[in-house]
Amino acid sequence: MARVVVDVMLKPEIHDPQGEAIASACRRLGFGQILGVRQGKRFELEIGGSADDAVMARIAELAAELLANPVIEEFEIRAP
């Protein structure tokens, strides 16, 4: 069994109100050195077998169709 991680983040040019709210809360809590926050999603997938190139390509399809909105989000796939 293998594990694959898909990290989904808003594209840099997309406004991130949740990230801004978190950054503001950090400053209110005394963490003034935090200048910005971008908020995202992490998916951990357990795969039967190994995470070879063909499996990773299928996971990329899954990420593009289900896990991320490719219009406003980008994703990264990795096998830790």
C-alpha atoms as a PDB file:
ATOM      1  CA  MET A   1       0.000   0.000   0.000  1.00  0.00           C
ATOM      2  CA  ALA A   2       1.241   3.489  -0.850  1.00  0.00           C
ATOM      3  CA  ARG A   3       0.219   6.923   0.302  1.00  0.00           C
ATOM      4  CA  VAL A   4      -0.092   9.925  -1.982  1.00  0.00           C
ATOM      5  CA  VAL A   5      -0.613  13.508  -0.808  1.00  0.00           C
ATOM      6  CA  VAL A   6      -2.457  16.107  -2.863  1.00  0.00           C
ATOM      7  CA  ASP A   7      -2.044  19.702  -1.682  1.00  0.00           C
ATOM      8  CA  VAL A   8      -4.544  22.185  -3.138  1.00  0.00           C
ATOM      9  CA  MET A   9      -4.001  25.942  -2.902  1.00  0.00           C
ATOM     10  CA  LEU A  10      -5.654  28.984  -4.386  1.00  0.00           C
ATOM     11  CA  LYS A  11      -3.697  30.375  -7.307  1.00  0.00           C
ATOM     12  CA  PRO A  12      -1.489  33.299  -6.213  1.00  0.00           C
ATOM     13  CA  GLU A  13      -3.604  35.844  -8.079  1.00  0.00           C
ATOM     14  CA  ILE A  14      -6.832  34.729  -6.352  1.00  0.00           C
ATOM     15  CA  HIS A  15      -7.929  36.714  -3.287  1.00  0.00           C
ATOM     16  CA  ASP A  16      -7.785  34.565  -0.106  1.00  0.00           C
ATOM     17  CA  PRO A  17     -10.128  36.071   2.534  1.00  0.00           C
ATOM     18  CA  GLN A  18      -9.652  33.132   4.927  1.00  0.00           C
ATOM     19  CA  GLY A  19      -5.890  33.551   4.773  1.00  0.00           C
ATOM     20  CA  GLU A  20      -6.247  37.260   5.439  1.00  0.00           C
ATOM     21  CA  ALA A  21      -8.496  36.590   8.445  1.00  0.00           C
ATOM     22  CA  ILE A  22      -5.966  34.119   9.845  1.00  0.00           C
ATOM     23  CA  ALA A  23      -3.095  36.581   9.326  1.00  0.00           C
ATOM     24  CA  SER A  24      -5.094  39.315  11.075  1.00  0.00           C
ATOM     25  CA  ALA A  25      -5.831  37.001  14.010  1.00  0.00           C
ATOM     26  CA  CYS A  26      -2.132  36.119  14.236  1.00  0.00           C
ATOM     27  CA  ARG A  27      -1.230  39.784  14.560  1.00  0.00           C
ATOM     28  CA  ARG A  28      -3.913  40.316  17.228  1.00  0.00           C
ATOM     29  CA  LEU A  29      -2.456  37.376  19.160  1.00  0.00           C
ATOM     30  CA  GLY A  30       0.986  38.946  19.166  1.00  0.00           C
ATOM     31  CA  PHE A  31       2.522  37.207  16.163  1.00  0.00           C
ATOM     32  CA  GLY A  32       3.333  40.436  14.324  1.00  0.00           C
ATOM     33  CA  GLN A  33       6.103  38.814  12.297  1.00  0.00           C
ATOM     34  CA  ILE A  34       3.488  36.900  10.255  1.00  0.00           C
ATOM     35  CA  LEU A  35       2.911  39.053   7.193  1.00  0.00           C
ATOM     36  CA  GLY A  36       0.592  36.818   5.194  1.00  0.00           C
ATOM     37  CA  VAL A  37      -1.213  33.477   5.166  1.00  0.00           C
ATOM     38  CA  ARG A  38      -2.550  31.400   2.289  1.00  0.00           C
ATOM     39  CA  GLN A  39      -5.039  28.711   3.270  1.00  0.00           C
ATOM     40  CA  GLY A  40      -5.429  25.427   1.405  1.00  0.00           C
ATOM     41  CA  LYS A  41      -6.517  21.798   1.524  1.00  0.00           C
ATOM     42  CA  ARG A  42      -4.540  18.578   1.954  1.00  0.00           C
ATOM     43  CA  PHE A  43      -5.766  15.168   0.838  1.00  0.00           C
ATOM     44  CA  GLU A  44      -4.006  11.940   1.821  1.00  0.00           C
ATOM     45  CA  LEU A  45      -4.892   9.038  -0.454  1.00  0.00           C
ATOM     46  CA  GLU A  46      -4.098   5.416   0.354  1.00  0.00           C
ATOM     47  CA  ILE A  47      -3.380   3.489  -2.831  1.00  0.00           C
ATOM     48  CA  GLY A  48      -3.418  -0.273  -3.286  1.00  0.00           C
ATOM     49  CA  GLY A  49      -0.054  -1.194  -4.792  1.00  0.00           C
ATOM     50  CA  SER A  50       2.711   1.215  -5.639  1.00  0.00           C
ATOM     51  CA  ALA A  51       2.449   4.841  -6.710  1.00  0.00           C
ATOM     52  CA  ASP A  52       4.040   4.397 -10.141  1.00  0.00           C
ATOM     53  CA  ASP A  53       3.840   6.923 -12.980  1.00  0.00           C
ATOM     54  CA  ALA A  54       0.531   5.554 -14.285  1.00  0.00           C
ATOM     55  CA  VAL A  55      -1.101   5.766 -10.846  1.00  0.00           C
ATOM     56  CA  MET A  56       0.240   9.280 -10.319  1.00  0.00           C
ATOM     57  CA  ALA A  57      -1.195  10.326 -13.696  1.00  0.00           C
ATOM     58  CA  ARG A  58      -4.617   8.988 -12.681  1.00  0.00           C
ATOM     59  CA  ILE A  59      -4.395  10.832  -9.356  1.00  0.00           C
ATOM     60  CA  ALA A  60      -3.627  14.028 -11.276  1.00  0.00           C
ATOM     61  CA  GLU A  61      -6.845  13.447 -13.248  1.00  0.00           C
ATOM     62  CA  LEU A  62      -8.745  12.916  -9.990  1.00  0.00           C
ATOM     63  CA  ALA A  63      -7.278  16.082  -8.494  1.00  0.00           C
ATOM     64  CA  ALA A  64      -8.191  18.143 -11.560  1.00  0.00           C
ATOM     65  CA  GLU A  65     -11.737  16.779 -11.741  1.00  0.00           C
ATOM     66  CA  LEU A  66     -12.713  16.381  -8.083  1.00  0.00           C
ATOM     67  CA  LEU A  67     -10.259  17.677  -5.494  1.00  0.00           C
ATOM     68  CA  ALA A  68      -9.416  21.078  -6.984  1.00  0.00           C
ATOM     69  CA  ASN A  69     -11.158  23.739  -9.020  1.00  0.00           C
ATOM     70  CA  PRO A  70      -8.577  24.307 -11.766  1.00  0.00           C
ATOM     71  CA  VAL A  71     -10.001  27.756 -12.553  1.00  0.00           C
ATOM     72  CA  ILE A  72      -8.960  29.183  -9.173  1.00  0.00           C
ATOM     73  CA  GLU A  73      -6.798  26.483  -7.555  1.00  0.00           C
ATOM     74  CA  GLU A  74      -3.588  24.654  -8.302  1.00  0.00           C
ATOM     75  CA  PHE A  75      -2.466  21.327  -6.879  1.00  0.00           C
ATOM     76  CA  GLU A  76       0.691  19.422  -6.152  1.00  0.00           C
ATOM     77  CA  ILE A  77       0.923  15.640  -5.898  1.00  0.00           C
ATOM     78  CA  ARG A  78       3.644  13.830  -4.003  1.00  0.00           C
ATOM     79  CA  ALA A  79       4.363  10.412  -2.584  1.00  0.00           C
ATOM     80  CA  PRO A  80       6.002  11.004   0.813  1.00  0.00           C
END
